[in-house]
Amino acid sequence: MNVQIQSVKFDADKRLIEFVEAKMAKLDRFAERSTGAEVILKLDKDHEKGNKIATLTLHMPGEELVATQQAKSFEEAVDDAIDALKHQLDKFKSKTEK
């Protein structure tokens, strides 16, 4: 899967990029028909909820699945967003199989 990673308002370090790529590679097993993905990591000003936001967009034939999660670390936000995408993928698969 072709994954594009963008970091907004900061420079993502190599470890974070490798973490995101590894997680997206695992997601690729569930999204076998995916044509690509985008990951946008950005900083927010809300320190109570967590100021790290991860937005994952999965390009599927005829549809885009999007999950946005906010947490205190990018790793946690990416994990939560991937869980949300897996849930959306299950719905997408059951809808397309009918």
N, C-alpha and C. Protein backbone atom coordinates (compact mmCIF):
# COMPACT_ATOMS: atom_id res chain seq x y z
N MET A 1 0.85 -1.18 0.00
CA MET A 1 0.00 0.00 0.00
C MET A 1 0.90 1.24 0.00
N ASN A 2 0.54 2.21 -0.82
CA ASN A 2 1.26 3.46 -0.88
C ASN A 2 0.75 4.39 0.23
N VAL A 3 1.61 4.73 1.18
CA VAL A 3 1.22 5.55 2.32
C VAL A 3 1.97 6.87 2.27
N GLN A 4 1.23 7.97 2.30
CA GLN A 4 1.84 9.29 2.36
C GLN A 4 1.67 9.81 3.78
N ILE A 5 2.77 10.27 4.37
CA ILE A 5 2.73 10.77 5.75
C ILE A 5 3.08 12.26 5.73
N GLN A 6 2.20 13.06 6.33
CA GLN A 6 2.43 14.49 6.46
C GLN A 6 2.45 14.87 7.92
N SER A 7 3.36 15.75 8.29
CA SER A 7 3.37 16.29 9.66
C SER A 7 3.16 17.80 9.57
N VAL A 8 2.17 18.29 10.29
CA VAL A 8 1.79 19.69 10.25
C VAL A 8 2.25 20.36 11.54
N LYS A 9 2.92 21.50 11.41
CA LYS A 9 3.40 22.32 12.52
C LYS A 9 4.55 21.69 13.31
N PHE A 10 5.16 20.62 12.79
CA PHE A 10 6.33 20.01 13.43
C PHE A 10 6.99 19.07 12.43
N ASP A 11 8.22 18.66 12.73
CA ASP A 11 8.91 17.68 11.90
C ASP A 11 8.88 16.33 12.60
N ALA A 12 8.26 15.35 11.95
CA ALA A 12 8.17 14.01 12.53
C ALA A 12 9.55 13.36 12.52
N ASP A 13 9.92 12.75 13.64
CA ASP A 13 11.22 12.08 13.68
C ASP A 13 11.12 10.71 12.99
N LYS A 14 12.26 10.13 12.73
CA LYS A 14 12.34 8.87 11.98
C LYS A 14 11.59 7.74 12.70
N ARG A 15 11.68 7.72 14.04
CA ARG A 15 11.03 6.66 14.82
C ARG A 15 9.51 6.72 14.66
N LEU A 16 8.94 7.93 14.68
CA LEU A 16 7.49 8.09 14.53
C LEU A 16 7.05 7.67 13.13
N ILE A 17 7.80 8.04 12.12
CA ILE A 17 7.46 7.68 10.75
C ILE A 17 7.51 6.16 10.57
N GLU A 18 8.53 5.52 11.14
CA GLU A 18 8.63 4.06 11.05
C GLU A 18 7.48 3.39 11.78
N PHE A 19 7.07 3.95 12.93
CA PHE A 19 5.94 3.42 13.69
C PHE A 19 4.66 3.46 12.84
N VAL A 20 4.41 4.62 12.23
CA VAL A 20 3.21 4.78 11.41
C VAL A 20 3.24 3.82 10.22
N GLU A 21 4.39 3.71 9.55
CA GLU A 21 4.51 2.81 8.40
C GLU A 21 4.26 1.36 8.81
N ALA A 22 4.78 0.95 9.96
CA ALA A 22 4.58 -0.42 10.44
C ALA A 22 3.10 -0.68 10.72
N LYS A 23 2.43 0.27 11.36
CA LYS A 23 1.01 0.11 11.67
C LYS A 23 0.17 0.06 10.40
N MET A 24 0.50 0.90 9.44
CA MET A 24 -0.26 0.92 8.19
C MET A 24 -0.02 -0.36 7.39
N ALA A 25 1.18 -0.93 7.49
CA ALA A 25 1.46 -2.20 6.81
C ALA A 25 0.58 -3.31 7.38
N LYS A 26 0.37 -3.30 8.70
CA LYS A 26 -0.52 -4.29 9.31
C LYS A 26 -1.96 -4.09 8.86
N LEU A 27 -2.36 -2.82 8.72
CA LEU A 27 -3.73 -2.52 8.27
C LEU A 27 -3.94 -3.00 6.84
N ASP A 28 -2.87 -3.05 6.07
CA ASP A 28 -2.95 -3.47 4.67
C ASP A 28 -3.52 -4.89 4.53
N ARG A 29 -3.32 -5.73 5.55
CA ARG A 29 -3.86 -7.09 5.51
C ARG A 29 -5.39 -7.08 5.51
N PHE A 30 -5.98 -6.09 6.18
CA PHE A 30 -7.44 -5.99 6.24
C PHE A 30 -8.00 -5.29 5.02
N ALA A 31 -7.21 -4.38 4.44
CA ALA A 31 -7.68 -3.55 3.32
C ALA A 31 -6.99 -3.98 2.04
N GLU A 32 -7.28 -5.19 1.60
CA GLU A 32 -6.57 -5.72 0.43
C GLU A 32 -6.91 -4.97 -0.85
N ARG A 33 -8.05 -4.29 -0.93
CA ARG A 33 -8.41 -3.57 -2.14
C ARG A 33 -8.05 -2.08 -2.07
N SER A 34 -7.35 -1.68 -1.06
CA SER A 34 -6.99 -0.28 -0.89
C SER A 34 -6.06 0.18 -2.00
N THR A 35 -6.30 1.40 -2.48
CA THR A 35 -5.46 1.97 -3.53
C THR A 35 -4.40 2.92 -2.97
N GLY A 36 -4.45 3.20 -1.67
CA GLY A 36 -3.47 4.08 -1.05
C GLY A 36 -4.00 4.63 0.26
N ALA A 37 -3.13 5.35 0.96
CA ALA A 37 -3.53 5.90 2.25
C ALA A 37 -2.76 7.19 2.52
N GLU A 38 -3.37 8.05 3.32
CA GLU A 38 -2.72 9.27 3.78
C GLU A 38 -2.79 9.31 5.29
N VAL A 39 -1.70 9.74 5.91
CA VAL A 39 -1.66 9.93 7.35
C VAL A 39 -1.24 11.37 7.59
N ILE A 40 -2.07 12.12 8.31
CA ILE A 40 -1.74 13.50 8.63
C ILE A 40 -1.60 13.59 10.15
N LEU A 41 -0.44 13.98 10.60
CA LEU A 41 -0.16 14.14 12.02
C LEU A 41 -0.03 15.63 12.29
N LYS A 42 -0.80 16.14 13.28
CA LYS A 42 -0.67 17.56 13.57
C LYS A 42 -0.82 17.84 15.05
N LEU A 43 -0.30 18.98 15.43
CA LEU A 43 -0.36 19.43 16.82
C LEU A 43 -1.55 20.36 16.99
N ASP A 44 -2.20 20.25 18.15
CA ASP A 44 -3.34 21.09 18.47
C ASP A 44 -3.02 21.84 19.76
N LYS A 45 -3.87 22.78 20.13
CA LYS A 45 -3.61 23.56 21.34
C LYS A 45 -4.33 23.01 22.57
N ASP A 46 -5.17 22.00 22.39
CA ASP A 46 -5.94 21.44 23.50
C ASP A 46 -5.08 20.44 24.28
N HIS A 47 -4.51 20.89 25.40
CA HIS A 47 -3.62 20.02 26.16
C HIS A 47 -4.37 19.09 27.11
N GLU A 48 -5.65 19.37 27.39
CA GLU A 48 -6.40 18.51 28.30
C GLU A 48 -6.72 17.17 27.64
N LYS A 49 -7.26 17.20 26.43
CA LYS A 49 -7.57 15.95 25.71
C LYS A 49 -6.31 15.32 25.17
N GLY A 50 -5.28 16.11 24.96
CA GLY A 50 -4.08 15.67 24.26
C GLY A 50 -3.94 16.53 23.03
N ASN A 51 -2.73 16.94 22.74
CA ASN A 51 -2.57 17.89 21.64
C ASN A 51 -2.06 17.23 20.36
N LYS A 52 -2.10 15.91 20.29
CA LYS A 52 -1.64 15.20 19.09
C LYS A 52 -2.86 14.65 18.35
N ILE A 53 -2.96 14.97 17.06
CA ILE A 53 -4.09 14.52 16.25
C ILE A 53 -3.57 13.71 15.08
N ALA A 54 -4.16 12.54 14.86
CA ALA A 54 -3.82 11.70 13.71
C ALA A 54 -5.08 11.52 12.87
N THR A 55 -4.96 11.86 11.58
CA THR A 55 -6.06 11.66 10.64
C THR A 55 -5.59 10.66 9.60
N LEU A 56 -6.28 9.53 9.52
CA LEU A 56 -5.94 8.49 8.55
C LEU A 56 -7.02 8.42 7.50
N THR A 57 -6.62 8.46 6.24
CA THR A 57 -7.54 8.34 5.12
C THR A 57 -7.14 7.13 4.31
N LEU A 58 -8.08 6.22 4.13
CA LEU A 58 -7.82 5.00 3.36
C LEU A 58 -8.63 5.09 2.08
N HIS A 59 -7.95 5.03 0.94
CA HIS A 59 -8.61 5.14 -0.36
C HIS A 59 -9.04 3.75 -0.82
N MET A 60 -10.35 3.56 -0.90
CA MET A 60 -10.92 2.30 -1.37
C MET A 60 -11.62 2.58 -2.71
N PRO A 61 -11.81 1.55 -3.52
CA PRO A 61 -12.51 1.77 -4.79
C PRO A 61 -13.91 2.34 -4.55
N GLY A 62 -14.16 3.57 -5.00
CA GLY A 62 -15.47 4.18 -4.87
C GLY A 62 -15.75 4.85 -3.54
N GLU A 63 -14.80 4.81 -2.61
CA GLU A 63 -15.07 5.39 -1.30
C GLU A 63 -13.76 5.69 -0.57
N GLU A 64 -13.82 6.65 0.34
CA GLU A 64 -12.68 6.94 1.20
C GLU A 64 -13.11 6.73 2.64
N LEU A 65 -12.31 6.01 3.40
CA LEU A 65 -12.57 5.80 4.82
C LEU A 65 -11.65 6.72 5.60
N VAL A 66 -12.22 7.51 6.51
CA VAL A 66 -11.44 8.49 7.25
C VAL A 66 -11.66 8.30 8.74
N ALA A 67 -10.56 8.34 9.50
CA ALA A 67 -10.65 8.27 10.96
C ALA A 67 -9.71 9.33 11.55
N THR A 68 -10.22 10.12 12.49
CA THR A 68 -9.43 11.14 13.16
C THR A 68 -9.49 10.88 14.66
N GLN A 69 -8.33 10.83 15.28
CA GLN A 69 -8.28 10.60 16.73
C GLN A 69 -7.32 11.58 17.37
N GLN A 70 -7.62 11.95 18.61
CA GLN A 70 -6.79 12.89 19.37
C GLN A 70 -6.34 12.21 20.65
N ALA A 71 -5.05 12.37 20.98
CA ALA A 71 -4.51 11.72 22.18
C ALA A 71 -3.30 12.51 22.68
N LYS A 72 -2.71 12.01 23.76
CA LYS A 72 -1.54 12.68 24.34
C LYS A 72 -0.25 12.31 23.62
N SER A 73 -0.28 11.25 22.80
CA SER A 73 0.90 10.90 22.00
C SER A 73 0.44 10.51 20.60
N PHE A 74 1.32 10.71 19.63
CA PHE A 74 0.97 10.35 18.26
C PHE A 74 0.76 8.85 18.12
N GLU A 75 1.55 8.07 18.84
CA GLU A 75 1.41 6.61 18.76
C GLU A 75 0.01 6.17 19.20
N GLU A 76 -0.46 6.75 20.31
CA GLU A 76 -1.78 6.40 20.82
C GLU A 76 -2.87 6.86 19.84
N ALA A 77 -2.71 8.06 19.27
CA ALA A 77 -3.69 8.58 18.32
C ALA A 77 -3.74 7.71 17.07
N VAL A 78 -2.58 7.28 16.57
CA VAL A 78 -2.53 6.42 15.38
C VAL A 78 -3.17 5.07 15.68
N ASP A 79 -2.86 4.48 16.84
CA ASP A 79 -3.47 3.20 17.23
C ASP A 79 -4.99 3.30 17.25
N ASP A 80 -5.51 4.37 17.90
CA ASP A 80 -6.96 4.54 18.00
C ASP A 80 -7.59 4.75 16.62
N ALA A 81 -6.91 5.52 15.76
CA ALA A 81 -7.45 5.77 14.42
C ALA A 81 -7.47 4.49 13.59
N ILE A 82 -6.44 3.65 13.76
CA ILE A 82 -6.41 2.38 13.02
C ILE A 82 -7.53 1.46 13.50
N ASP A 83 -7.78 1.45 14.81
CA ASP A 83 -8.91 0.65 15.32
C ASP A 83 -10.22 1.14 14.70
N ALA A 84 -10.39 2.45 14.61
CA ALA A 84 -11.61 3.01 14.01
C ALA A 84 -11.70 2.63 12.53
N LEU A 85 -10.56 2.66 11.83
CA LEU A 85 -10.56 2.28 10.41
C LEU A 85 -10.90 0.81 10.22
N LYS A 86 -10.41 -0.05 11.12
CA LYS A 86 -10.74 -1.48 11.03
C LYS A 86 -12.25 -1.67 11.14
N HIS A 87 -12.87 -0.93 12.06
CA HIS A 87 -14.32 -1.01 12.24
C HIS A 87 -15.04 -0.55 10.96
N GLN A 88 -14.55 0.56 10.36
CA GLN A 88 -15.14 1.06 9.13
C GLN A 88 -14.94 0.06 7.98
N LEU A 89 -13.77 -0.59 7.96
CA LEU A 89 -13.50 -1.60 6.92
C LEU A 89 -14.45 -2.77 7.01
N ASP A 90 -14.74 -3.21 8.25
CA ASP A 90 -15.71 -4.30 8.42
C ASP A 90 -17.06 -3.92 7.83
N LYS A 91 -17.52 -2.68 8.11
CA LYS A 91 -18.78 -2.22 7.57
C LYS A 91 -18.73 -2.12 6.05
N PHE A 92 -17.60 -1.60 5.54
CA PHE A 92 -17.42 -1.45 4.09
C PHE A 92 -17.46 -2.81 3.39
N LYS A 93 -16.77 -3.79 3.97
CA LYS A 93 -16.74 -5.13 3.37
C LYS A 93 -18.13 -5.77 3.38
N SER A 94 -18.85 -5.65 4.50
CA SER A 94 -20.17 -6.27 4.57
C SER A 94 -21.14 -5.56 3.62
N LYS A 95 -20.95 -4.27 3.43
CA LYS A 95 -21.82 -3.52 2.51
C LYS A 95 -21.54 -3.91 1.05
N THR A 96 -20.27 -4.09 0.70
CA THR A 96 -19.94 -4.41 -0.69
C THR A 96 -20.18 -5.88 -1.04
N GLU A 97 -20.26 -6.74 -0.03
CA GLU A 97 -20.49 -8.16 -0.29
C GLU A 97 -21.95 -8.47 -0.54
N LYS A 98 -22.85 -7.55 -0.21
CA LYS A 98 -24.28 -7.80 -0.37
C LYS A 98 -24.68 -7.70 -1.82
